[in-house]
Amino acid sequence: MQHPRSRTSHLGLRHRCLRGCPSVVLVARKRPLHQILLGLIVIYLTGNLLMASCSDLHLGVLFRFISGLPHGAYFGVGSIVADRLAPRGKSTSAIAIMCSGMTVANLIGIPAGTWLSDMVSWRVIFLFNGAWGILTSSCSTVWFREWNLFRTQG
């Protein structure tokens, strides 16, 4: 997918967030938080793994759209979870720590990913993101079993 128009795959970010958040609210409003988070992770990892195997620009745009759908909703649900896990009076710090992952991704992950894609292939980045999603969902599944507060609905 080394095409001059390949940057158009990023143009849908605002559309993914605008459609992703309300869609998640409608579909998941009666579900427990752990199910919502796992569902969002699965959508993310599926989109990235499909993108890693993509060879068509139009499918690439679709797969990037899919992988970006859970973006905004994940931070909203993650903030609720961080608030509920934090000790009394520490919820703001817990939410800040959870959101700091975006800062780390932007400051370290994007430059490292750009360098790696120049050295090896852009597909490696999407494979890494898919593998990271698998690791995240596996760890989350184990942790959710230990936290009784995830039995409540969103």
N, C-alpha and C. Protein backbone atom coordinates (compact mmCIF):
# COMPACT_ATOMS: atom_id res chain seq x y z
N MET A 1 0.82 -1.18 0.00
CA MET A 1 0.00 0.00 0.00
C MET A 1 0.86 1.25 0.00
N GLN A 2 2.00 1.21 -0.64
CA GLN A 2 2.87 2.36 -0.74
C GLN A 2 2.35 3.21 -1.88
N HIS A 3 1.45 4.08 -1.58
CA HIS A 3 0.73 4.84 -2.57
C HIS A 3 0.70 6.29 -2.10
N PRO A 4 0.81 7.27 -3.00
CA PRO A 4 0.79 8.67 -2.58
C PRO A 4 -0.48 9.05 -1.81
N ARG A 5 -1.57 8.35 -2.06
CA ARG A 5 -2.81 8.68 -1.36
C ARG A 5 -2.98 7.88 -0.08
N SER A 6 -1.97 7.13 0.34
CA SER A 6 -2.12 6.30 1.53
C SER A 6 -2.36 7.12 2.78
N ARG A 7 -1.96 8.39 2.76
CA ARG A 7 -2.22 9.23 3.94
C ARG A 7 -3.70 9.49 4.14
N THR A 8 -4.52 9.23 3.15
CA THR A 8 -5.97 9.42 3.32
C THR A 8 -6.54 8.44 4.33
N SER A 9 -5.79 7.39 4.65
CA SER A 9 -6.29 6.44 5.64
C SER A 9 -6.38 7.06 7.02
N HIS A 10 -5.71 8.19 7.23
CA HIS A 10 -5.76 8.86 8.53
C HIS A 10 -6.85 9.92 8.59
N LEU A 11 -7.37 10.33 7.46
CA LEU A 11 -8.31 11.44 7.42
C LEU A 11 -9.62 11.16 8.15
N GLY A 12 -9.95 9.90 8.35
CA GLY A 12 -11.22 9.57 8.98
C GLY A 12 -11.21 9.58 10.49
N LEU A 13 -10.14 10.09 11.13
CA LEU A 13 -10.07 10.06 12.59
C LEU A 13 -11.27 10.71 13.24
N ARG A 14 -11.62 11.89 12.81
CA ARG A 14 -12.76 12.56 13.44
C ARG A 14 -14.05 11.79 13.20
N HIS A 15 -14.17 11.16 12.02
CA HIS A 15 -15.38 10.37 11.73
C HIS A 15 -15.43 9.11 12.59
N ARG A 16 -14.27 8.49 12.82
CA ARG A 16 -14.23 7.29 13.67
C ARG A 16 -14.67 7.63 15.08
N CYS A 17 -14.15 8.74 15.62
CA CYS A 17 -14.52 9.13 16.98
C CYS A 17 -15.98 9.57 17.04
N LEU A 18 -16.43 10.32 16.04
CA LEU A 18 -17.80 10.79 16.04
C LEU A 18 -18.81 9.66 15.91
N ARG A 19 -18.45 8.61 15.20
CA ARG A 19 -19.35 7.47 15.04
C ARG A 19 -19.11 6.41 16.11
N GLY A 20 -17.88 6.27 16.55
CA GLY A 20 -17.53 5.22 17.49
C GLY A 20 -18.13 5.42 18.87
N CYS A 21 -18.00 6.62 19.42
CA CYS A 21 -18.51 6.87 20.78
C CYS A 21 -20.01 6.69 20.90
N PRO A 22 -20.80 7.34 20.05
CA PRO A 22 -22.25 7.14 20.17
C PRO A 22 -22.67 5.69 19.91
N SER A 23 -21.98 5.02 18.99
CA SER A 23 -22.31 3.63 18.71
C SER A 23 -22.08 2.76 19.93
N VAL A 24 -20.97 2.98 20.60
CA VAL A 24 -20.66 2.20 21.80
C VAL A 24 -21.69 2.47 22.88
N VAL A 25 -22.08 3.72 23.04
CA VAL A 25 -23.09 4.05 24.05
C VAL A 25 -24.39 3.31 23.77
N LEU A 26 -24.82 3.30 22.53
CA LEU A 26 -26.07 2.64 22.19
C LEU A 26 -26.00 1.12 22.36
N VAL A 27 -24.89 0.52 21.97
CA VAL A 27 -24.76 -0.93 22.02
C VAL A 27 -24.43 -1.42 23.43
N ALA A 28 -23.62 -0.67 24.16
CA ALA A 28 -23.04 -1.20 25.39
C ALA A 28 -23.61 -0.60 26.67
N ARG A 29 -24.60 0.22 26.60
CA ARG A 29 -25.05 0.93 27.81
C ARG A 29 -25.56 0.02 28.92
N LYS A 30 -25.97 -1.17 28.60
CA LYS A 30 -26.47 -2.11 29.62
C LYS A 30 -25.46 -3.20 29.96
N ARG A 31 -24.26 -3.11 29.44
CA ARG A 31 -23.24 -4.14 29.65
C ARG A 31 -22.32 -3.76 30.80
N PRO A 32 -21.74 -4.77 31.45
CA PRO A 32 -20.72 -4.48 32.47
C PRO A 32 -19.49 -3.85 31.83
N LEU A 33 -18.77 -3.04 32.60
CA LEU A 33 -17.62 -2.30 32.08
C LEU A 33 -16.55 -3.22 31.49
N HIS A 34 -16.33 -4.36 32.13
CA HIS A 34 -15.27 -5.24 31.61
C HIS A 34 -15.63 -5.78 30.22
N GLN A 35 -16.89 -6.02 29.96
CA GLN A 35 -17.29 -6.48 28.63
C GLN A 35 -17.13 -5.37 27.59
N ILE A 36 -17.43 -4.15 27.99
CA ILE A 36 -17.27 -3.02 27.07
C ILE A 36 -15.80 -2.85 26.70
N LEU A 37 -14.93 -2.84 27.71
CA LEU A 37 -13.50 -2.68 27.45
C LEU A 37 -12.95 -3.79 26.57
N LEU A 38 -13.31 -5.03 26.88
CA LEU A 38 -12.82 -6.14 26.06
C LEU A 38 -13.35 -6.07 24.63
N GLY A 39 -14.58 -5.67 24.47
CA GLY A 39 -15.14 -5.51 23.12
C GLY A 39 -14.41 -4.44 22.33
N LEU A 40 -14.09 -3.34 22.99
CA LEU A 40 -13.35 -2.26 22.32
C LEU A 40 -11.95 -2.72 21.93
N ILE A 41 -11.30 -3.47 22.81
CA ILE A 41 -9.96 -3.98 22.50
C ILE A 41 -10.02 -4.94 21.31
N VAL A 42 -11.03 -5.79 21.27
CA VAL A 42 -11.15 -6.75 20.17
C VAL A 42 -11.37 -6.02 18.83
N ILE A 43 -12.17 -4.97 18.83
CA ILE A 43 -12.37 -4.20 17.60
C ILE A 43 -11.04 -3.58 17.16
N TYR A 44 -10.30 -3.02 18.11
CA TYR A 44 -9.01 -2.40 17.82
C TYR A 44 -8.02 -3.40 17.24
N LEU A 45 -7.87 -4.54 17.90
CA LEU A 45 -6.87 -5.50 17.44
C LEU A 45 -7.28 -6.13 16.11
N THR A 46 -8.56 -6.34 15.90
CA THR A 46 -9.03 -6.89 14.63
C THR A 46 -8.73 -5.94 13.48
N GLY A 47 -9.02 -4.67 13.65
CA GLY A 47 -8.73 -3.69 12.61
C GLY A 47 -7.25 -3.62 12.28
N ASN A 48 -6.40 -3.68 13.31
CA ASN A 48 -4.96 -3.61 13.07
C ASN A 48 -4.43 -4.86 12.39
N LEU A 49 -4.90 -6.02 12.80
CA LEU A 49 -4.44 -7.26 12.15
C LEU A 49 -4.91 -7.34 10.71
N LEU A 50 -6.14 -6.89 10.45
CA LEU A 50 -6.63 -6.85 9.06
C LEU A 50 -5.80 -5.86 8.23
N MET A 51 -5.45 -4.74 8.83
CA MET A 51 -4.65 -3.74 8.12
C MET A 51 -3.26 -4.29 7.79
N ALA A 52 -2.69 -5.08 8.68
CA ALA A 52 -1.36 -5.64 8.43
C ALA A 52 -1.35 -6.56 7.22
N SER A 53 -2.48 -7.16 6.91
CA SER A 53 -2.55 -8.07 5.78
C SER A 53 -3.16 -7.43 4.53
N CYS A 54 -3.44 -6.16 4.60
CA CYS A 54 -4.14 -5.46 3.51
C CYS A 54 -3.19 -5.06 2.38
N SER A 55 -3.69 -5.16 1.17
CA SER A 55 -2.90 -4.73 0.02
C SER A 55 -3.66 -3.74 -0.86
N ASP A 56 -4.84 -3.35 -0.46
CA ASP A 56 -5.68 -2.46 -1.24
C ASP A 56 -5.94 -1.18 -0.46
N LEU A 57 -5.80 -0.04 -1.11
CA LEU A 57 -5.98 1.25 -0.44
C LEU A 57 -7.38 1.40 0.15
N HIS A 58 -8.40 1.01 -0.58
CA HIS A 58 -9.77 1.19 -0.11
C HIS A 58 -10.07 0.29 1.10
N LEU A 59 -9.59 -0.93 1.05
CA LEU A 59 -9.74 -1.80 2.23
C LEU A 59 -8.92 -1.26 3.39
N GLY A 60 -7.76 -0.71 3.09
CA GLY A 60 -6.92 -0.12 4.14
C GLY A 60 -7.64 0.99 4.87
N VAL A 61 -8.33 1.84 4.12
CA VAL A 61 -9.11 2.92 4.75
C VAL A 61 -10.20 2.32 5.63
N LEU A 62 -10.87 1.30 5.15
CA LEU A 62 -11.91 0.63 5.94
C LEU A 62 -11.33 0.02 7.23
N PHE A 63 -10.20 -0.67 7.11
CA PHE A 63 -9.60 -1.31 8.28
C PHE A 63 -9.09 -0.28 9.28
N ARG A 64 -8.57 0.84 8.81
CA ARG A 64 -8.14 1.92 9.71
C ARG A 64 -9.36 2.51 10.40
N PHE A 65 -10.46 2.63 9.67
CA PHE A 65 -11.70 3.12 10.26
C PHE A 65 -12.14 2.19 11.39
N ILE A 66 -12.10 0.89 11.13
CA ILE A 66 -12.51 -0.10 12.14
C ILE A 66 -11.61 -0.02 13.36
N SER A 67 -10.30 0.03 13.16
CA SER A 67 -9.39 0.05 14.30
C SER A 67 -9.51 1.33 15.11
N GLY A 68 -9.99 2.41 14.49
CA GLY A 68 -10.13 3.67 15.21
C GLY A 68 -11.47 3.89 15.87
N LEU A 69 -12.46 3.06 15.54
CA LEU A 69 -13.80 3.23 16.14
C LEU A 69 -13.79 3.27 17.67
N PRO A 70 -13.07 2.37 18.33
CA PRO A 70 -13.15 2.36 19.79
C PRO A 70 -12.33 3.44 20.49
N HIS A 71 -11.59 4.24 19.75
CA HIS A 71 -10.63 5.17 20.33
C HIS A 71 -11.23 6.06 21.42
N GLY A 72 -12.18 6.89 21.06
CA GLY A 72 -12.75 7.83 22.03
C GLY A 72 -13.51 7.13 23.14
N ALA A 73 -14.26 6.10 22.80
CA ALA A 73 -15.05 5.38 23.80
C ALA A 73 -14.14 4.67 24.80
N TYR A 74 -12.99 4.18 24.35
CA TYR A 74 -12.07 3.49 25.24
C TYR A 74 -11.59 4.42 26.35
N PHE A 75 -11.30 5.66 26.02
CA PHE A 75 -10.84 6.60 27.04
C PHE A 75 -11.97 6.96 28.00
N GLY A 76 -13.18 7.04 27.50
CA GLY A 76 -14.31 7.31 28.39
C GLY A 76 -14.55 6.19 29.37
N VAL A 77 -14.61 4.96 28.88
CA VAL A 77 -14.83 3.80 29.74
C VAL A 77 -13.62 3.59 30.65
N GLY A 78 -12.42 3.77 30.09
CA GLY A 78 -11.19 3.63 30.89
C GLY A 78 -11.14 4.62 32.04
N SER A 79 -11.65 5.83 31.82
CA SER A 79 -11.68 6.83 32.89
C SER A 79 -12.64 6.42 34.01
N ILE A 80 -13.77 5.85 33.64
CA ILE A 80 -14.71 5.36 34.66
C ILE A 80 -14.07 4.24 35.46
N VAL A 81 -13.40 3.33 34.79
CA VAL A 81 -12.75 2.21 35.47
C VAL A 81 -11.64 2.72 36.39
N ALA A 82 -10.83 3.66 35.90
CA ALA A 82 -9.75 4.22 36.72
C ALA A 82 -10.32 4.90 37.96
N ASP A 83 -11.43 5.59 37.80
CA ASP A 83 -12.09 6.25 38.94
C ASP A 83 -12.56 5.23 39.97
N ARG A 84 -13.13 4.14 39.50
CA ARG A 84 -13.66 3.12 40.43
C ARG A 84 -12.56 2.31 41.10
N LEU A 85 -11.42 2.17 40.43
CA LEU A 85 -10.31 1.41 41.02
C LEU A 85 -9.49 2.22 42.00
N ALA A 86 -9.52 3.53 41.86
CA ALA A 86 -8.68 4.40 42.68
C ALA A 86 -9.17 4.49 44.12
N PRO A 87 -8.23 4.63 45.06
CA PRO A 87 -8.64 4.87 46.44
C PRO A 87 -9.36 6.23 46.54
N ARG A 88 -10.12 6.39 47.58
CA ARG A 88 -10.87 7.63 47.78
C ARG A 88 -9.93 8.84 47.73
N GLY A 89 -10.30 9.82 46.95
CA GLY A 89 -9.52 11.04 46.82
C GLY A 89 -8.39 10.97 45.80
N LYS A 90 -8.22 9.84 45.15
CA LYS A 90 -7.13 9.66 44.18
C LYS A 90 -7.62 9.41 42.76
N SER A 91 -8.90 9.61 42.52
CA SER A 91 -9.44 9.27 41.19
C SER A 91 -8.87 10.16 40.10
N THR A 92 -8.62 11.44 40.39
CA THR A 92 -8.06 12.32 39.37
C THR A 92 -6.68 11.85 38.95
N SER A 93 -5.88 11.44 39.92
CA SER A 93 -4.54 10.92 39.59
C SER A 93 -4.63 9.63 38.78
N ALA A 94 -5.56 8.77 39.13
CA ALA A 94 -5.72 7.51 38.41
C ALA A 94 -6.13 7.76 36.95
N ILE A 95 -7.03 8.68 36.74
CA ILE A 95 -7.46 9.01 35.38
C ILE A 95 -6.31 9.63 34.60
N ALA A 96 -5.53 10.49 35.25
CA ALA A 96 -4.37 11.11 34.58
C ALA A 96 -3.35 10.06 34.17
N ILE A 97 -3.11 9.08 35.03
CA ILE A 97 -2.17 8.01 34.70
C ILE A 97 -2.70 7.20 33.51
N MET A 98 -3.99 6.90 33.52
CA MET A 98 -4.58 6.14 32.42
C MET A 98 -4.46 6.92 31.11
N CYS A 99 -4.71 8.21 31.14
CA CYS A 99 -4.64 9.02 29.93
C CYS A 99 -3.21 9.32 29.50
N SER A 100 -2.25 9.15 30.39
CA SER A 100 -0.85 9.42 30.02
C SER A 100 -0.34 8.43 28.97
N GLY A 101 -1.02 7.32 28.83
CA GLY A 101 -0.64 6.37 27.78
C GLY A 101 -0.69 6.99 26.40
N MET A 102 -1.63 7.90 26.17
CA MET A 102 -1.71 8.59 24.88
C MET A 102 -0.49 9.48 24.68
N THR A 103 -0.04 10.14 25.74
CA THR A 103 1.15 10.99 25.64
C THR A 103 2.38 10.16 25.30
N VAL A 104 2.54 9.03 25.98
CA VAL A 104 3.67 8.14 25.71
C VAL A 104 3.61 7.63 24.27
N ALA A 105 2.42 7.26 23.83
CA ALA A 105 2.27 6.77 22.45
C ALA A 105 2.65 7.85 21.44
N ASN A 106 2.25 9.08 21.70
CA ASN A 106 2.56 10.16 20.76
C ASN A 106 4.03 10.56 20.78
N LEU A 107 4.64 10.57 21.96
CA LEU A 107 6.03 11.02 22.06
C LEU A 107 7.05 9.94 21.72
N ILE A 108 6.73 8.69 22.00
CA ILE A 108 7.68 7.60 21.77
C ILE A 108 7.19 6.65 20.68
N GLY A 109 5.95 6.23 20.78
CA GLY A 109 5.42 5.22 19.86
C GLY A 109 5.37 5.65 18.41
N ILE A 110 4.91 6.85 18.15
CA ILE A 110 4.79 7.30 16.76
C ILE A 110 6.16 7.47 16.10
N PRO A 111 7.11 8.17 16.75
CA PRO A 111 8.44 8.24 16.10
C PRO A 111 9.11 6.87 15.95
N ALA A 112 8.99 6.02 16.96
CA ALA A 112 9.58 4.67 16.87
C ALA A 112 8.90 3.86 15.78
N GLY A 113 7.59 3.96 15.69
CA GLY A 113 6.86 3.24 14.65
C GLY A 113 7.20 3.74 13.25
N THR A 114 7.35 5.04 13.12
CA THR A 114 7.74 5.60 11.83
C THR A 114 9.12 5.11 11.42
N TRP A 115 10.06 5.13 12.36
CA TRP A 115 11.40 4.65 12.08
C TRP A 115 11.38 3.17 11.69
N LEU A 116 10.65 2.37 12.48
CA LEU A 116 10.58 0.93 12.21
C LEU A 116 9.93 0.65 10.85
N SER A 117 8.90 1.39 10.52
CA SER A 117 8.25 1.16 9.22
C SER A 117 9.17 1.56 8.07
N ASP A 118 10.02 2.55 8.28
CA ASP A 118 11.00 2.91 7.24
C ASP A 118 12.08 1.85 7.11
N MET A 119 12.46 1.24 8.23
CA MET A 119 13.52 0.24 8.23
C MET A 119 13.04 -1.14 7.75
N VAL A 120 11.83 -1.52 8.14
CA VAL A 120 11.35 -2.87 7.84
C VAL A 120 10.15 -2.80 6.90
N SER A 121 8.97 -2.50 7.46
CA SER A 121 7.75 -2.43 6.67
C SER A 121 6.66 -1.78 7.53
N TRP A 122 5.74 -1.10 6.89
CA TRP A 122 4.64 -0.50 7.63
C TRP A 122 3.74 -1.58 8.24
N ARG A 123 3.76 -2.76 7.68
CA ARG A 123 2.92 -3.85 8.19
C ARG A 123 3.33 -4.27 9.60
N VAL A 124 4.61 -4.13 9.91
CA VAL A 124 5.12 -4.50 11.23
C VAL A 124 4.42 -3.70 12.32
N ILE A 125 4.15 -2.44 12.05
CA ILE A 125 3.51 -1.58 13.05
C ILE A 125 2.09 -2.08 13.34
N PHE A 126 1.37 -2.44 12.32
CA PHE A 126 0.00 -2.93 12.53
C PHE A 126 0.01 -4.30 13.18
N LEU A 127 0.97 -5.14 12.85
CA LEU A 127 1.11 -6.43 13.53
C LEU A 127 1.42 -6.22 15.01
N PHE A 128 2.31 -5.27 15.30
CA PHE A 128 2.63 -4.96 16.70
C PHE A 128 1.39 -4.48 17.44
N ASN A 129 0.63 -3.57 16.83
CA ASN A 129 -0.59 -3.07 17.48
C ASN A 129 -1.60 -4.19 17.70
N GLY A 130 -1.73 -5.09 16.74
CA GLY A 130 -2.63 -6.24 16.92
C GLY A 130 -2.15 -7.15 18.04
N ALA A 131 -0.84 -7.41 18.08
CA ALA A 131 -0.29 -8.24 19.16
C ALA A 131 -0.45 -7.55 20.51
N TRP A 132 -0.26 -6.25 20.53
CA TRP A 132 -0.44 -5.50 21.78
C TRP A 132 -1.90 -5.60 22.24
N GLY A 133 -2.83 -5.56 21.32
CA GLY A 133 -4.23 -5.73 21.65
C GLY A 133 -4.54 -7.11 22.22
N ILE A 134 -3.91 -8.13 21.65
CA ILE A 134 -4.09 -9.49 22.17
C ILE A 134 -3.54 -9.59 23.59
N LEU A 135 -2.34 -9.03 23.82
CA LEU A 135 -1.75 -9.04 25.16
C LEU A 135 -2.63 -8.27 26.14
N THR A 136 -3.12 -7.12 25.71
CA THR A 136 -3.98 -6.30 26.58
C THR A 136 -5.26 -7.03 26.93
N SER A 137 -5.89 -7.65 25.96
CA SER A 137 -7.15 -8.36 26.26
C SER A 137 -6.90 -9.57 27.15
N SER A 138 -5.78 -10.26 26.96
CA SER A 138 -5.46 -11.41 27.80
C SER A 138 -5.22 -10.98 29.24
N CYS A 139 -4.40 -9.96 29.43
CA CYS A 139 -4.13 -9.46 30.79
C CYS A 139 -5.40 -8.91 31.44
N SER A 140 -6.19 -8.18 30.66
CA SER A 140 -7.42 -7.61 31.20
C SER A 140 -8.39 -8.69 31.65
N THR A 141 -8.48 -9.76 30.88
CA THR A 141 -9.37 -10.86 31.25
C THR A 141 -8.96 -11.44 32.60
N VAL A 142 -7.68 -11.62 32.81
CA VAL A 142 -7.19 -12.15 34.09
C VAL A 142 -7.49 -11.16 35.22
N TRP A 143 -7.21 -9.88 34.99
CA TRP A 143 -7.43 -8.89 36.04
C TRP A 143 -8.90 -8.70 36.35
N PHE A 144 -9.76 -8.78 35.33
CA PHE A 144 -11.18 -8.57 35.57
C PHE A 144 -11.76 -9.62 36.50
N ARG A 145 -11.20 -10.80 36.46
CA ARG A 145 -11.68 -11.86 37.36
C ARG A 145 -11.42 -11.52 38.82
N GLU A 146 -10.37 -10.73 39.07
CA GLU A 146 -9.99 -10.39 40.44
C GLU A 146 -10.74 -9.18 40.97
N TRP A 147 -11.29 -8.35 40.10
CA TRP A 147 -11.93 -7.10 40.52
C TRP A 147 -13.44 -7.25 40.49
N ASN A 148 -14.04 -7.32 41.66
CA ASN A 148 -15.48 -7.51 41.75
C ASN A 148 -16.28 -6.29 41.29
N LEU A 149 -15.66 -5.13 41.29
CA LEU A 149 -16.41 -3.93 40.92
C LEU A 149 -16.82 -3.91 39.45
N PHE A 150 -16.27 -4.82 38.64
CA PHE A 150 -16.65 -4.86 37.23
C PHE A 150 -17.93 -5.66 37.02
N ARG A 151 -18.53 -6.12 38.07
CA ARG A 151 -19.80 -6.82 37.94
C ARG A 151 -20.94 -5.82 37.69
N THR A 152 -20.70 -4.53 38.00
CA THR A 152 -21.73 -3.52 37.80
C THR A 152 -21.80 -3.14 36.33
N GLN A 153 -22.94 -2.58 35.95
CA GLN A 153 -23.13 -2.18 34.56
C GLN A 153 -22.53 -0.82 34.32
N GLY A 154 -22.32 -0.51 33.02
CA GLY A 154 -21.70 0.76 32.61
C GLY A 154 -22.61 1.94 32.80
